[in-house]
């Protein structure tokens, strides 16, 4: 899974829509649309913005690895822990 796929996984798992992302991050909904569709690569600004909203995904978002013992998980792990 590449970083754009991980970014999309967080957004999808958290049920965030583009207007919410625009309001929370100041990044235009159209930009989020382009990143999510793969028409544009995710820049540091988008990655940092998602990490600020959902800090529990920060490490996984950037590296693709989890450090569960310090609360750094993937959306799939977070969902599994809820169930």
PDB file of N, CA and C in Angstrom:
ATOM      1  N   UNK A   1       0.849  -1.177   0.000  1.00  0.00           N
ATOM      2  CA  UNK A   1       0.000   0.000   0.000  1.00  0.00           C
ATOM      3  C   UNK A   1       0.895   1.241   0.000  1.00  0.00           C
ATOM      4  N   UNK A   2       0.674   2.141  -0.948  1.00  0.00           N
ATOM      5  CA  UNK A   2       1.486   3.362  -0.978  1.00  0.00           C
ATOM      6  C   UNK A   2       0.853   4.443  -0.096  1.00  0.00           C
ATOM      7  N   UNK A   3       1.515   5.565   0.026  1.00  0.00           N
ATOM      8  CA  UNK A   3       1.067   6.592   0.965  1.00  0.00           C
ATOM      9  C   UNK A   3      -0.297   7.167   0.585  1.00  0.00           C
ATOM     10  N   UNK A   4      -0.580   7.294  -0.702  1.00  0.00           N
ATOM     11  CA  UNK A   4      -1.893   7.789  -1.121  1.00  0.00           C
ATOM     12  C   UNK A   4      -2.976   6.789  -0.752  1.00  0.00           C
ATOM     13  N   UNK A   5      -2.701   5.516  -0.920  1.00  0.00           N
ATOM     14  CA  UNK A   5      -3.661   4.485  -0.530  1.00  0.00           C
ATOM     15  C   UNK A   5      -3.886   4.492   0.984  1.00  0.00           C
ATOM     16  N   UNK A   6      -2.814   4.703   1.741  1.00  0.00           N
ATOM     17  CA  UNK A   6      -2.954   4.776   3.198  1.00  0.00           C
ATOM     18  C   UNK A   6      -3.762   6.013   3.596  1.00  0.00           C
ATOM     19  N   UNK A   7      -3.492   7.126   2.955  1.00  0.00           N
ATOM     20  CA  UNK A   7      -4.247   8.348   3.217  1.00  0.00           C
ATOM     21  C   UNK A   7      -5.735   8.119   2.945  1.00  0.00           C
ATOM     22  N   UNK A   8      -6.039   7.495   1.822  1.00  0.00           N
ATOM     23  CA  UNK A   8      -7.429   7.195   1.473  1.00  0.00           C
ATOM     24  C   UNK A   8      -8.051   6.210   2.461  1.00  0.00           C
ATOM     25  N   UNK A   9      -7.273   5.260   2.945  1.00  0.00           N
ATOM     26  CA  UNK A   9      -7.790   4.296   3.916  1.00  0.00           C
ATOM     27  C   UNK A   9      -8.217   4.993   5.209  1.00  0.00           C
ATOM     28  N   UNK A  10      -7.430   5.958   5.643  1.00  0.00           N
ATOM     29  CA  UNK A  10      -7.786   6.709   6.855  1.00  0.00           C
ATOM     30  C   UNK A  10      -9.073   7.488   6.617  1.00  0.00           C
ATOM     31  N   UNK A  11      -9.130   8.200   5.513  1.00  0.00           N
ATOM     32  CA  UNK A  11     -10.304   9.018   5.200  1.00  0.00           C
ATOM     33  C   UNK A  11     -11.553   8.148   5.110  1.00  0.00           C
ATOM     34  N   UNK A  12     -11.425   7.017   4.439  1.00  0.00           N
ATOM     35  CA  UNK A  12     -12.565   6.117   4.278  1.00  0.00           C
ATOM     36  C   UNK A  12     -13.002   5.521   5.617  1.00  0.00           C
ATOM     37  N   UNK A  13     -12.055   5.027   6.379  1.00  0.00           N
ATOM     38  CA  UNK A  13     -12.382   4.396   7.658  1.00  0.00           C
ATOM     39  C   UNK A  13     -13.045   5.384   8.615  1.00  0.00           C
ATOM     40  N   UNK A  14     -12.599   6.616   8.589  1.00  0.00           N
ATOM     41  CA  UNK A  14     -13.155   7.629   9.480  1.00  0.00           C
ATOM     42  C   UNK A  14     -14.438   8.257   8.931  1.00  0.00           C
ATOM     43  N   UNK A  15     -14.806   7.896   7.704  1.00  0.00           N
ATOM     44  CA  UNK A  15     -16.048   8.393   7.118  1.00  0.00           C
ATOM     45  C   UNK A  15     -16.022   9.877   6.811  1.00  0.00           C
ATOM     46  N   UNK A  16     -14.853  10.404   6.536  1.00  0.00           N
ATOM     47  CA  UNK A  16     -14.718  11.842   6.277  1.00  0.00           C
ATOM     48  C   UNK A  16     -15.068  12.155   4.820  1.00  0.00           C
ATOM     49  N   UNK A  17     -15.878  13.184   4.636  1.00  0.00           N
ATOM     50  CA  UNK A  17     -16.160  13.626   3.271  1.00  0.00           C
ATOM     51  C   UNK A  17     -15.296  14.847   2.947  1.00  0.00           C
ATOM     52  N   UNK A  18     -15.304  15.251   1.707  1.00  0.00           N
ATOM     53  CA  UNK A  18     -14.426  16.349   1.282  1.00  0.00           C
ATOM     54  C   UNK A  18     -14.766  17.683   1.935  1.00  0.00           C
ATOM     55  N   UNK A  19     -16.045  18.033   2.099  1.00  0.00           N
ATOM     56  CA  UNK A  19     -16.332  19.292   2.816  1.00  0.00           C
ATOM     57  C   UNK A  19     -15.782  19.289   4.244  1.00  0.00           C
ATOM     58  N   UNK A  20     -15.874  18.152   4.933  1.00  0.00           N
ATOM     59  CA  UNK A  20     -15.302  18.040   6.271  1.00  0.00           C
ATOM     60  C   UNK A  20     -13.791  18.250   6.217  1.00  0.00           C
ATOM     61  N   UNK A  21     -13.135  17.584   5.267  1.00  0.00           N
ATOM     62  CA  UNK A  21     -11.682  17.715   5.149  1.00  0.00           C
ATOM     63  C   UNK A  21     -11.282  19.154   4.842  1.00  0.00           C
ATOM     64  N   UNK A  22     -12.026  19.804   3.958  1.00  0.00           N
ATOM     65  CA  UNK A  22     -11.718  21.196   3.637  1.00  0.00           C
ATOM     66  C   UNK A  22     -11.851  22.082   4.874  1.00  0.00           C
ATOM     67  N   UNK A  23     -12.934  21.889   5.610  1.00  0.00           N
ATOM     68  CA  UNK A  23     -13.169  22.696   6.813  1.00  0.00           C
ATOM     69  C   UNK A  23     -12.086  22.455   7.863  1.00  0.00           C
ATOM     70  N   UNK A  24     -11.710  21.204   8.065  1.00  0.00           N
ATOM     71  CA  UNK A  24     -10.738  20.855   9.107  1.00  0.00           C
ATOM     72  C   UNK A  24      -9.305  21.230   8.745  1.00  0.00           C
ATOM     73  N   UNK A  25      -8.993  21.225   7.436  1.00  0.00           N
ATOM     74  CA  UNK A  25      -7.596  21.379   7.020  1.00  0.00           C
ATOM     75  C   UNK A  25      -7.288  22.670   6.286  1.00  0.00           C
ATOM     76  N   UNK A  26      -8.313  23.312   5.725  1.00  0.00           N
ATOM     77  CA  UNK A  26      -8.069  24.494   4.903  1.00  0.00           C
ATOM     78  C   UNK A  26      -7.630  24.147   3.486  1.00  0.00           C
ATOM     79  N   UNK A  27      -7.561  22.859   3.196  1.00  0.00           N
ATOM     80  CA  UNK A  27      -7.194  22.392   1.856  1.00  0.00           C
ATOM     81  C   UNK A  27      -8.487  22.194   1.076  1.00  0.00           C
ATOM     82  N   UNK A  28      -8.561  22.781  -0.104  1.00  0.00           N
ATOM     83  CA  UNK A  28      -9.790  22.765  -0.900  1.00  0.00           C
ATOM     84  C   UNK A  28     -10.296  21.350  -1.167  1.00  0.00           C
ATOM     85  N   UNK A  29     -11.615  21.221  -1.186  1.00  0.00           N
ATOM     86  CA  UNK A  29     -12.259  19.929  -1.451  1.00  0.00           C
ATOM     87  C   UNK A  29     -11.822  19.368  -2.801  1.00  0.00           C
ATOM     88  N   UNK A  30     -11.635  20.229  -3.788  1.00  0.00           N
ATOM     89  CA  UNK A  30     -11.205  19.774  -5.123  1.00  0.00           C
ATOM     90  C   UNK A  30      -9.822  19.125  -5.038  1.00  0.00           C
ATOM     91  N   UNK A  31      -8.950  19.685  -4.237  1.00  0.00           N
ATOM     92  CA  UNK A  31      -7.616  19.094  -4.061  1.00  0.00           C
ATOM     93  C   UNK A  31      -7.744  17.718  -3.426  1.00  0.00           C
ATOM     94  N   UNK A  32      -8.595  17.596  -2.397  1.00  0.00           N
ATOM     95  CA  UNK A  32      -8.816  16.294  -1.784  1.00  0.00           C
ATOM     96  C   UNK A  32      -9.355  15.308  -2.804  1.00  0.00           C
ATOM     97  N   UNK A  33     -10.262  15.762  -3.651  1.00  0.00           N
ATOM     98  CA  UNK A  33     -10.820  14.910  -4.695  1.00  0.00           C
ATOM     99  C   UNK A  33      -9.728  14.397  -5.619  1.00  0.00           C
ATOM    100  N   UNK A  34      -8.844  15.295  -6.028  1.00  0.00           N
ATOM    101  CA  UNK A  34      -7.752  14.914  -6.935  1.00  0.00           C
ATOM    102  C   UNK A  34      -6.787  13.933  -6.279  1.00  0.00           C
ATOM    103  N   UNK A  35      -6.489  14.149  -5.017  1.00  0.00           N
ATOM    104  CA  UNK A  35      -5.594  13.235  -4.300  1.00  0.00           C
ATOM    105  C   UNK A  35      -6.258  11.875  -4.131  1.00  0.00           C
ATOM    106  N   UNK A  36      -7.515  11.869  -3.710  1.00  0.00           N
ATOM    107  CA  UNK A  36      -8.209  10.608  -3.478  1.00  0.00           C
ATOM    108  C   UNK A  36      -8.389   9.791  -4.746  1.00  0.00           C
ATOM    109  N   UNK A  37      -8.579  10.463  -5.866  1.00  0.00           N
ATOM    110  CA  UNK A  37      -8.790   9.748  -7.125  1.00  0.00           C
ATOM    111  C   UNK A  37      -7.484   9.321  -7.779  1.00  0.00           C
ATOM    112  N   UNK A  38      -6.362   9.798  -7.264  1.00  0.00           N
ATOM    113  CA  UNK A  38      -5.070   9.460  -7.848  1.00  0.00           C
ATOM    114  C   UNK A  38      -4.648  10.396  -8.964  1.00  0.00           C
ATOM    115  N   UNK A  39      -5.438  11.431  -9.229  1.00  0.00           N
ATOM    116  CA  UNK A  39      -5.072  12.400 -10.257  1.00  0.00           C
ATOM    117  C   UNK A  39      -3.935  13.294  -9.804  1.00  0.00           C
ATOM    118  N   UNK A  40      -3.732  13.387  -8.500  1.00  0.00           N
ATOM    119  CA  UNK A  40      -2.643  14.183  -7.935  1.00  0.00           C
ATOM    120  C   UNK A  40      -2.003  13.376  -6.817  1.00  0.00           C
ATOM    121  N   UNK A  41      -0.718  13.571  -6.641  1.00  0.00           N
ATOM    122  CA  UNK A  41      -0.017  12.916  -5.546  1.00  0.00           C
ATOM    123  C   UNK A  41      -0.267  13.686  -4.256  1.00  0.00           C
ATOM    124  N   UNK A  42      -0.277  12.957  -3.163  1.00  0.00           N
ATOM    125  CA  UNK A  42      -0.426  13.583  -1.857  1.00  0.00           C
ATOM    126  C   UNK A  42       0.871  14.308  -1.511  1.00  0.00           C
ATOM    127  N   UNK A  43       0.739  15.563  -1.156  1.00  0.00           N
ATOM    128  CA  UNK A  43       1.882  16.352  -0.713  1.00  0.00           C
ATOM    129  C   UNK A  43       1.976  16.297   0.807  1.00  0.00           C
ATOM    130  N   UNK A  44       3.055  16.805   1.327  1.00  0.00           N
ATOM    131  CA  UNK A  44       3.262  16.842   2.770  1.00  0.00           C
ATOM    132  C   UNK A  44       2.098  17.518   3.482  1.00  0.00           C
ATOM    133  N   UNK A  45       1.520  18.556   2.866  1.00  0.00           N
ATOM    134  CA  UNK A  45       0.423  19.289   3.498  1.00  0.00           C
ATOM    135  C   UNK A  45      -0.772  18.389   3.784  1.00  0.00           C
ATOM    136  N   UNK A  46      -1.124  17.540   2.822  1.00  0.00           N
ATOM    137  CA  UNK A  46      -2.254  16.632   3.031  1.00  0.00           C
ATOM    138  C   UNK A  46      -1.933  15.579   4.088  1.00  0.00           C
ATOM    139  N   UNK A  47      -0.749  15.047   4.025  1.00  0.00           N
ATOM    140  CA  UNK A  47      -0.339  14.020   4.984  1.00  0.00           C
ATOM    141  C   UNK A  47      -0.315  14.601   6.405  1.00  0.00           C
ATOM    142  N   UNK A  48       0.275  15.770   6.544  1.00  0.00           N
ATOM    143  CA  UNK A  48       0.325  16.416   7.858  1.00  0.00           C
ATOM    144  C   UNK A  48      -1.076  16.752   8.363  1.00  0.00           C
ATOM    145  N   UNK A  49      -1.950  17.182   7.469  1.00  0.00           N
ATOM    146  CA  UNK A  49      -3.314  17.547   7.860  1.00  0.00           C
ATOM    147  C   UNK A  49      -4.070  16.339   8.396  1.00  0.00           C
ATOM    148  N   UNK A  50      -3.957  15.216   7.721  1.00  0.00           N
ATOM    149  CA  UNK A  50      -4.631  13.996   8.181  1.00  0.00           C
ATOM    150  C   UNK A  50      -4.035  13.545   9.516  1.00  0.00           C
ATOM    151  N   UNK A  51      -2.730  13.646   9.649  1.00  0.00           N
ATOM    152  CA  UNK A  51      -2.071  13.250  10.900  1.00  0.00           C
ATOM    153  C   UNK A  51      -2.507  14.134  12.071  1.00  0.00           C
ATOM    154  N   UNK A  52      -2.819  15.387  11.813  1.00  0.00           N
ATOM    155  CA  UNK A  52      -3.287  16.271  12.887  1.00  0.00           C
ATOM    156  C   UNK A  52      -4.709  15.920  13.307  1.00  0.00           C
ATOM    157  N   UNK A  53      -5.543  15.548  12.337  1.00  0.00           N
ATOM    158  CA  UNK A  53      -6.928  15.188  12.662  1.00  0.00           C
ATOM    159  C   UNK A  53      -6.978  13.849  13.395  1.00  0.00           C
ATOM    160  N   UNK A  54      -6.205  12.876  12.891  1.00  0.00           N
ATOM    161  CA  UNK A  54      -6.197  11.527  13.460  1.00  0.00           C
ATOM    162  C   UNK A  54      -4.757  11.139  13.791  1.00  0.00           C
ATOM    163  N   UNK A  55      -4.221  11.633  14.904  1.00  0.00           N
ATOM    164  CA  UNK A  55      -2.815  11.387  15.238  1.00  0.00           C
ATOM    165  C   UNK A  55      -2.465   9.921  15.465  1.00  0.00           C
ATOM    166  N   UNK A  56      -3.459   9.095  15.779  1.00  0.00           N
ATOM    167  CA  UNK A  56      -3.179   7.675  16.013  1.00  0.00           C
ATOM    168  C   UNK A  56      -2.703   6.954  14.746  1.00  0.00           C
ATOM    169  N   UNK A  57      -2.885   7.576  13.596  1.00  0.00           N
ATOM    170  CA  UNK A  57      -2.450   6.983  12.321  1.00  0.00           C
ATOM    171  C   UNK A  57      -1.141   7.570  11.799  1.00  0.00           C
ATOM    172  N   UNK A  58      -0.574   8.543  12.478  1.00  0.00           N
ATOM    173  CA  UNK A  58       0.580   9.291  11.946  1.00  0.00           C
ATOM    174  C   UNK A  58       1.721   8.406  11.471  1.00  0.00           C
ATOM    175  N   UNK A  59       2.194   7.543  12.334  1.00  0.00           N
ATOM    176  CA  UNK A  59       3.342   6.702  11.980  1.00  0.00           C
ATOM    177  C   UNK A  59       2.988   5.745  10.852  1.00  0.00           C
ATOM    178  N   UNK A  60       1.840   5.106  10.956  1.00  0.00           N
ATOM    179  CA  UNK A  60       1.415   4.172   9.912  1.00  0.00           C
ATOM    180  C   UNK A  60       1.218   4.888   8.582  1.00  0.00           C
ATOM    181  N   UNK A  61       0.653   6.077   8.632  1.00  0.00           N
ATOM    182  CA  UNK A  61       0.417   6.847   7.419  1.00  0.00           C
ATOM    183  C   UNK A  61       1.715   7.102   6.665  1.00  0.00           C
ATOM    184  N   UNK A  62       2.749   7.454   7.364  1.00  0.00           N
ATOM    185  CA  UNK A  62       4.021   7.790   6.732  1.00  0.00           C
ATOM    186  C   UNK A  62       4.841   6.556   6.369  1.00  0.00           C
ATOM    187  N   UNK A  63       4.843   5.553   7.240  1.00  0.00           N
ATOM    188  CA  UNK A  63       5.744   4.412   7.040  1.00  0.00           C
ATOM    189  C   UNK A  63       5.063   3.139   6.558  1.00  0.00           C
ATOM    190  N   UNK A  64       3.775   3.020   6.828  1.00  0.00           N
ATOM    191  CA  UNK A  64       3.082   1.773   6.531  1.00  0.00           C
ATOM    192  C   UNK A  64       3.256   0.727   7.621  1.00  0.00           C
ATOM    193  N   UNK A  65       3.893   1.120   8.717  1.00  0.00           N
ATOM    194  CA  UNK A  65       4.130   0.199   9.828  1.00  0.00           C
ATOM    195  C   UNK A  65       3.389   0.681  11.069  1.00  0.00           C
ATOM    196  N   UNK A  66       2.989  -0.261  11.893  1.00  0.00           N
ATOM    197  CA  UNK A  66       2.301   0.060  13.142  1.00  0.00           C
ATOM    198  C   UNK A  66       3.247  -0.082  14.324  1.00  0.00           C
ATOM    199  N   UNK A  67       2.993   0.702  15.351  1.00  0.00           N
ATOM    200  CA  UNK A  67       3.669   0.577  16.639  1.00  0.00           C
ATOM    201  C   UNK A  67       2.547   0.612  17.679  1.00  0.00           C
ATOM    202  N   UNK A  68       1.827  -0.497  17.733  1.00  0.00           N
ATOM    203  CA  UNK A  68       0.612  -0.579  18.550  1.00  0.00           C
ATOM    204  C   UNK A  68       0.871  -0.285  20.020  1.00  0.00           C
ATOM    205  N   UNK A  69       2.032  -0.648  20.513  1.00  0.00           N
ATOM    206  CA  UNK A  69       2.319  -0.446  21.937  1.00  0.00           C
ATOM    207  C   UNK A  69       2.358   1.029  22.335  1.00  0.00           C
ATOM    208  N   UNK A  70       2.492   1.925  21.357  1.00  0.00           N
ATOM    209  CA  UNK A  70       2.439   3.361  21.652  1.00  0.00           C
ATOM    210  C   UNK A  70       1.228   4.017  20.989  1.00  0.00           C
ATOM    211  N   UNK A  71       0.274   3.193  20.533  1.00  0.00           N
ATOM    212  CA  UNK A  71      -0.973   3.706  19.997  1.00  0.00           C
ATOM    213  C   UNK A  71      -0.950   4.119  18.541  1.00  0.00           C
ATOM    214  N   UNK A  72       0.105   3.755  17.822  1.00  0.00           N
ATOM    215  CA  UNK A  72       0.206   4.086  16.399  1.00  0.00           C
ATOM    216  C   UNK A  72      -0.247   2.882  15.588  1.00  0.00           C
ATOM    217  N   UNK A  73      -1.471   2.974  15.048  1.00  0.00           N
ATOM    218  CA  UNK A  73      -2.092   1.838  14.382  1.00  0.00           C
ATOM    219  C   UNK A  73      -2.606   2.222  13.000  1.00  0.00           C
ATOM    220  N   UNK A  74      -3.031   1.206  12.277  1.00  0.00           N
ATOM    221  CA  UNK A  74      -3.692   1.411  10.992  1.00  0.00           C
ATOM    222  C   UNK A  74      -5.193   1.493  11.233  1.00  0.00           C
ATOM    223  N   UNK A  75      -5.938   1.991  10.254  1.00  0.00           N
ATOM    224  CA  UNK A  75      -7.394   2.010  10.407  1.00  0.00           C
ATOM    225  C   UNK A  75      -7.983   0.610  10.590  1.00  0.00           C
ATOM    226  N   UNK A  76      -7.387  -0.387   9.959  1.00  0.00           N
ATOM    227  CA  UNK A  76      -7.888  -1.755  10.092  1.00  0.00           C
ATOM    228  C   UNK A  76      -7.717  -2.266  11.522  1.00  0.00           C
ATOM    229  N   UNK A  77      -6.591  -1.971  12.125  1.00  0.00           N
ATOM    230  CA  UNK A  77      -6.359  -2.380  13.507  1.00  0.00           C
ATOM    231  C   UNK A  77      -7.306  -1.648  14.446  1.00  0.00           C
ATOM    232  N   UNK A  78      -7.511  -0.366  14.209  1.00  0.00           N
ATOM    233  CA  UNK A  78      -8.425   0.403  15.054  1.00  0.00           C
ATOM    234  C   UNK A  78      -9.823  -0.190  14.973  1.00  0.00           C
ATOM    235  N   UNK A  79     -10.271  -0.541  13.756  1.00  0.00           N
ATOM    236  CA  UNK A  79     -11.586  -1.138  13.584  1.00  0.00           C
ATOM    237  C   UNK A  79     -11.665  -2.490  14.291  1.00  0.00           C
ATOM    238  N   UNK A  80     -10.627  -3.310  14.144  1.00  0.00           N
ATOM    239  CA  UNK A  80     -10.614  -4.636  14.776  1.00  0.00           C
ATOM    240  C   UNK A  80     -10.664  -4.510  16.300  1.00  0.00           C
ATOM    241  N   UNK A  81      -9.990  -3.511  16.836  1.00  0.00           N
ATOM    242  CA  UNK A  81      -9.989  -3.314  18.289  1.00  0.00           C
ATOM    243  C   UNK A  81     -11.342  -2.848  18.810  1.00  0.00           C
ATOM    244  N   UNK A  82     -12.119  -2.182  17.965  1.00  0.00           N
ATOM    245  CA  UNK A  82     -13.463  -1.737  18.358  1.00  0.00           C
ATOM    246  C   UNK A  82     -14.408  -2.934  18.473  1.00  0.00           C
ATOM    247  N   UNK A  83     -14.203  -3.927  17.596  1.00  0.00           N
ATOM    248  CA  UNK A  83     -15.120  -5.074  17.535  1.00  0.00           C
ATOM    249  C   UNK A  83     -14.806  -6.110  18.542  1.00  0.00           C
TER     250      UNK A  83
END
